[in-house]
Amino acid sequence: MSKAPPLSCLIAQALLRIKAVIVSPNAPFTYASGMRGPVYCDNRLVLSYPADRRLITDAFEREVRQWAQMPDAIAAVATAGIPHGAWLAQRLDLPMAYVRSKPKGHGRENLVEGVLRPGQRTVLLEDLVTSGGSSLRAVEAVRSVTGIVPEAVLCIFTYNYPGTREKFSAAGVPLVPLCDFDTLLHVAQSQSLLSTSQLDTLRRFQADPIAWSNEHLPAAQ
């Protein structure tokens, strides 16, 4: 009997199948960090595919349930992490809050929406991690409310930028992706889901994303 593929490979297959992964070497994407890259993972598309969003929620739930102690609350990074945080919180029957990228510009000017309490053990959900800057700002926002660093940052996908995991380790919070760039390349190659030229471009980007980005910065005006 053949062995079932790992969840990470199933998620990579799903992202490729629904075209959440877009490869565009001739018109590179600009990430939130300011870096440029030939690939963009648009996990918002998962919202429109019930079977695939259920697969991702299953994977998040499996990860959390194997911890020695369950968290007290789920927090999500706005905006793309919010639906996944809501689905996971529902599965685990836990309170949920979300973290804005900046304080609300009116009313109570909240940075964290919902209820997080001092001392609550919290897991933070993100859809995508590139360099980790926005996620780590959300980590600090949760810590400022609860007094403790989140148990982990769970994300659907990370590009595996050099130094990203070290940033999370330095902040005292593990980064736990369901799928990463290496898995994506492996699945794409094994199933011929990307062209040879696309795979070559992605491998060059993976080998040195900073150099690739610098080579493809927009020309100065």
Protein backbone atom coordinates (compact mmCIF):
# COMPACT_ATOMS: atom_id res chain seq x y z
CA MET A 1 0.00 0.00 0.00
CA SER A 2 1.41 3.38 -0.98
CA LYS A 3 2.09 5.87 1.80
CA ALA A 4 -0.03 9.01 1.87
CA PRO A 5 1.87 12.23 1.09
CA PRO A 6 2.73 14.41 4.09
CA LEU A 7 0.33 17.26 4.85
CA SER A 8 2.93 19.79 3.71
CA CYS A 9 2.95 18.22 0.24
CA LEU A 10 -0.84 18.08 0.10
CA ILE A 11 -0.99 21.78 0.94
CA ALA A 12 1.63 22.58 -1.72
CA GLN A 13 -0.44 20.60 -4.24
CA ALA A 14 -3.55 22.54 -3.26
CA LEU A 15 -1.84 25.95 -3.54
CA LEU A 16 -0.50 25.06 -6.97
CA ARG A 17 -3.80 23.57 -8.13
CA ILE A 18 -5.89 26.63 -7.26
CA LYS A 19 -3.14 28.90 -8.67
CA ALA A 20 -2.51 30.55 -5.32
CA VAL A 21 1.15 30.41 -6.34
CA ILE A 22 1.92 32.82 -9.18
CA VAL A 23 5.29 32.82 -10.96
CA SER A 24 6.22 36.01 -12.83
CA PRO A 25 9.99 36.35 -13.39
CA ASN A 26 9.60 39.12 -15.99
CA ALA A 27 7.38 41.27 -13.76
CA PRO A 28 8.59 40.54 -10.22
CA PHE A 29 6.40 41.04 -7.20
CA THR A 30 7.25 43.48 -4.41
CA TYR A 31 6.75 41.93 -0.97
CA ALA A 32 5.73 43.75 2.20
CA SER A 33 9.39 43.79 3.22
CA GLY A 34 10.28 45.76 0.07
CA MET A 35 12.16 42.83 -1.46
CA ARG A 36 11.39 41.65 -4.98
CA GLY A 37 10.68 38.09 -6.01
CA PRO A 38 9.53 36.03 -9.02
CA VAL A 39 6.85 34.19 -7.04
CA TYR A 40 3.86 35.25 -4.99
CA CYS A 41 1.72 33.04 -2.79
CA ASP A 42 -1.80 34.48 -2.60
CA ASN A 43 -3.38 32.39 0.14
CA ARG A 44 -6.55 34.50 0.04
CA LEU A 45 -7.65 32.28 -2.85
CA VAL A 46 -8.00 29.42 -0.37
CA LEU A 47 -11.13 31.12 0.98
CA SER A 48 -12.99 30.18 -2.20
CA TYR A 49 -12.17 26.46 -2.05
CA PRO A 50 -13.93 24.68 0.84
CA ALA A 51 -11.99 21.41 0.59
CA ASP A 52 -8.63 23.18 0.58
CA ARG A 53 -9.45 25.55 3.43
CA ARG A 54 -10.66 22.51 5.41
CA LEU A 55 -7.32 20.79 4.68
CA ILE A 56 -5.45 23.81 6.03
CA THR A 57 -7.65 24.10 9.11
CA ASP A 58 -7.13 20.36 9.74
CA ALA A 59 -3.37 20.88 9.56
CA PHE A 60 -3.45 23.83 11.96
CA GLU A 61 -5.61 21.87 14.37
CA ARG A 62 -3.37 18.81 14.22
CA GLU A 63 -0.33 20.94 14.99
CA VAL A 64 -1.90 22.63 18.02
CA ARG A 65 -3.44 19.46 19.45
CA GLN A 66 -0.07 17.73 19.62
CA TRP A 67 1.35 20.38 21.96
CA ALA A 68 1.86 19.48 25.61
CA GLN A 69 -0.60 22.21 26.63
CA MET A 70 -3.40 23.81 24.64
CA PRO A 71 -3.40 27.60 24.21
CA ASP A 72 -5.99 29.76 25.90
CA ALA A 73 -6.77 31.89 22.86
CA ILE A 74 -6.17 32.26 19.13
CA ALA A 75 -4.93 35.54 17.65
CA ALA A 76 -4.71 36.25 13.94
CA VAL A 77 -2.78 38.80 11.90
CA ALA A 78 -5.04 41.12 9.88
CA THR A 79 -6.26 40.74 7.36
CA ALA A 80 -5.43 37.48 5.62
CA GLY A 81 -4.90 35.53 8.84
CA ILE A 82 -8.33 36.38 10.24
CA PRO A 83 -10.46 33.69 8.52
CA HIS A 84 -7.96 30.95 9.34
CA GLY A 85 -7.81 32.13 12.94
CA ALA A 86 -11.61 32.07 13.11
CA TRP A 87 -11.85 28.53 11.69
CA LEU A 88 -9.18 27.23 14.06
CA ALA A 89 -10.70 28.97 17.09
CA GLN A 90 -14.07 27.41 16.21
CA ARG A 91 -12.50 23.95 15.92
CA LEU A 92 -10.75 24.30 19.27
CA ASP A 93 -13.62 26.16 20.97
CA LEU A 94 -11.28 28.98 21.96
CA PRO A 95 -11.62 32.77 22.11
CA MET A 96 -10.21 34.68 19.14
CA ALA A 97 -8.81 38.15 18.56
CA TYR A 98 -6.94 39.77 15.71
CA VAL A 99 -4.03 42.18 15.41
CA ARG A 100 -4.16 45.20 13.13
CA SER A 101 -1.11 46.36 11.18
CA LYS A 102 -1.46 49.70 12.97
CA PRO A 103 -3.84 51.11 15.60
CA LYS A 104 -7.34 51.93 14.41
CA GLY A 105 -7.46 55.58 13.40
CA HIS A 106 -10.63 56.43 15.33
CA GLY A 107 -12.79 55.31 18.25
CA ARG A 108 -10.76 53.34 20.77
CA GLU A 109 -7.75 53.23 18.43
CA ASN A 110 -7.26 49.53 19.10
CA LEU A 111 -4.29 47.60 17.80
CA VAL A 112 -5.72 44.30 19.07
CA GLU A 113 -9.40 43.68 18.35
CA GLY A 114 -11.31 41.21 20.48
CA VAL A 115 -10.47 40.10 23.99
CA LEU A 116 -7.04 38.89 25.05
CA ARG A 117 -6.35 38.79 28.77
CA PRO A 118 -3.12 39.11 30.78
CA GLY A 119 -1.47 35.73 31.19
CA GLN A 120 -3.32 34.02 28.33
CA ARG A 121 -1.27 31.53 26.35
CA THR A 122 -1.92 32.50 22.76
CA VAL A 123 -1.09 31.11 19.32
CA LEU A 124 -0.75 33.62 16.48
CA LEU A 125 -2.01 32.74 12.97
CA GLU A 126 -0.59 34.24 9.78
CA ASP A 127 -1.29 33.27 6.19
CA LEU A 128 2.16 34.03 4.76
CA VAL A 129 5.61 34.83 6.16
CA THR A 130 8.28 36.43 4.00
CA SER A 131 10.93 38.23 6.06
CA GLY A 132 8.77 38.04 9.20
CA GLY A 133 8.56 41.75 10.03
CA SER A 134 4.77 42.09 10.17
CA SER A 135 4.37 38.83 12.07
CA LEU A 136 6.91 39.84 14.69
CA ARG A 137 5.18 43.19 15.16
CA ALA A 138 1.99 41.22 15.82
CA VAL A 139 3.89 39.03 18.29
CA GLU A 140 4.88 42.17 20.18
CA ALA A 141 1.28 43.45 20.11
CA VAL A 142 0.04 40.19 21.67
CA ARG A 143 2.81 40.31 24.27
CA SER A 144 1.89 43.88 25.18
CA VAL A 145 -1.65 42.73 26.03
CA THR A 146 -1.09 39.29 27.56
CA GLY A 147 2.34 39.89 29.06
CA ILE A 148 3.71 36.75 27.41
CA VAL A 149 5.06 35.89 23.97
CA PRO A 150 2.73 33.73 21.82
CA GLU A 151 3.35 30.00 21.95
CA ALA A 152 4.09 29.99 18.22
CA VAL A 153 3.37 31.74 14.94
CA LEU A 154 1.55 29.31 12.67
CA CYS A 155 1.43 30.15 8.98
CA ILE A 156 0.27 28.46 5.80
CA PHE A 157 3.42 29.21 3.81
CA THR A 158 6.88 30.73 4.18
CA TYR A 159 9.46 31.53 1.53
CA ASN A 160 12.28 30.36 3.83
CA TYR A 161 14.21 33.60 3.49
CA PRO A 162 17.70 33.36 5.02
CA GLY A 163 17.61 34.52 8.62
CA THR A 164 13.82 34.50 8.98
CA ARG A 165 13.62 31.61 11.43
CA GLU A 166 16.51 33.11 13.39
CA LYS A 167 14.49 36.33 13.83
CA PHE A 168 11.62 34.36 15.33
CA SER A 169 13.99 32.41 17.58
CA ALA A 170 15.53 35.66 18.80
CA ALA A 171 12.01 36.91 19.64
CA GLY A 172 11.38 33.73 21.64
CA VAL A 173 8.61 32.41 19.41
CA PRO A 174 8.87 29.45 17.00
CA LEU A 175 7.73 29.84 13.41
CA VAL A 176 5.64 26.81 12.38
CA PRO A 177 4.73 26.77 8.66
CA LEU A 178 2.41 24.18 7.18
CA CYS A 179 4.28 24.40 3.87
CA ASP A 180 7.45 26.09 2.68
CA PHE A 181 9.34 27.01 -0.46
CA ASP A 182 11.41 23.81 -0.52
CA THR A 183 8.27 21.65 -0.37
CA LEU A 184 6.63 23.74 -3.06
CA LEU A 185 9.58 23.24 -5.43
CA HIS A 186 9.68 19.51 -4.69
CA VAL A 187 5.98 19.06 -5.46
CA ALA A 188 6.07 21.30 -8.52
CA GLN A 189 9.01 19.36 -9.95
CA SER A 190 7.64 15.90 -9.14
CA GLN A 191 4.28 16.67 -10.75
CA SER A 192 5.51 18.88 -13.61
CA LEU A 193 3.24 21.68 -12.42
CA LEU A 194 5.65 24.45 -13.45
CA SER A 195 7.70 24.83 -16.59
CA THR A 196 11.45 24.15 -16.63
CA SER A 197 12.20 27.86 -16.98
CA GLN A 198 9.91 28.71 -14.06
CA LEU A 199 11.58 26.12 -11.86
CA ASP A 200 15.04 27.41 -12.83
CA THR A 201 14.02 30.95 -11.92
CA LEU A 202 12.63 29.83 -8.57
CA ARG A 203 15.79 27.85 -7.78
CA ARG A 204 17.96 30.91 -8.51
CA PHE A 205 15.73 33.00 -6.28
CA GLN A 206 15.85 30.37 -3.53
CA ALA A 207 19.66 30.18 -3.67
CA ASP A 208 20.06 33.90 -2.95
CA PRO A 209 16.79 35.85 -2.66
CA ILE A 210 18.53 39.07 -1.62
CA ALA A 211 20.80 39.06 -4.66
CA TRP A 212 17.87 38.16 -6.93
CA SER A 213 15.85 41.01 -5.45
CA ASN A 214 18.66 43.52 -5.87
CA GLU A 215 19.09 42.52 -9.50
CA HIS A 216 15.41 43.15 -10.17
CA LEU A 217 14.78 46.40 -8.33
CA PRO A 218 12.88 49.00 -10.35
CA ALA A 219 15.09 51.38 -12.30
CA ALA A 220 15.65 54.72 -10.60
CA GLN A 221 13.48 57.49 -12.00
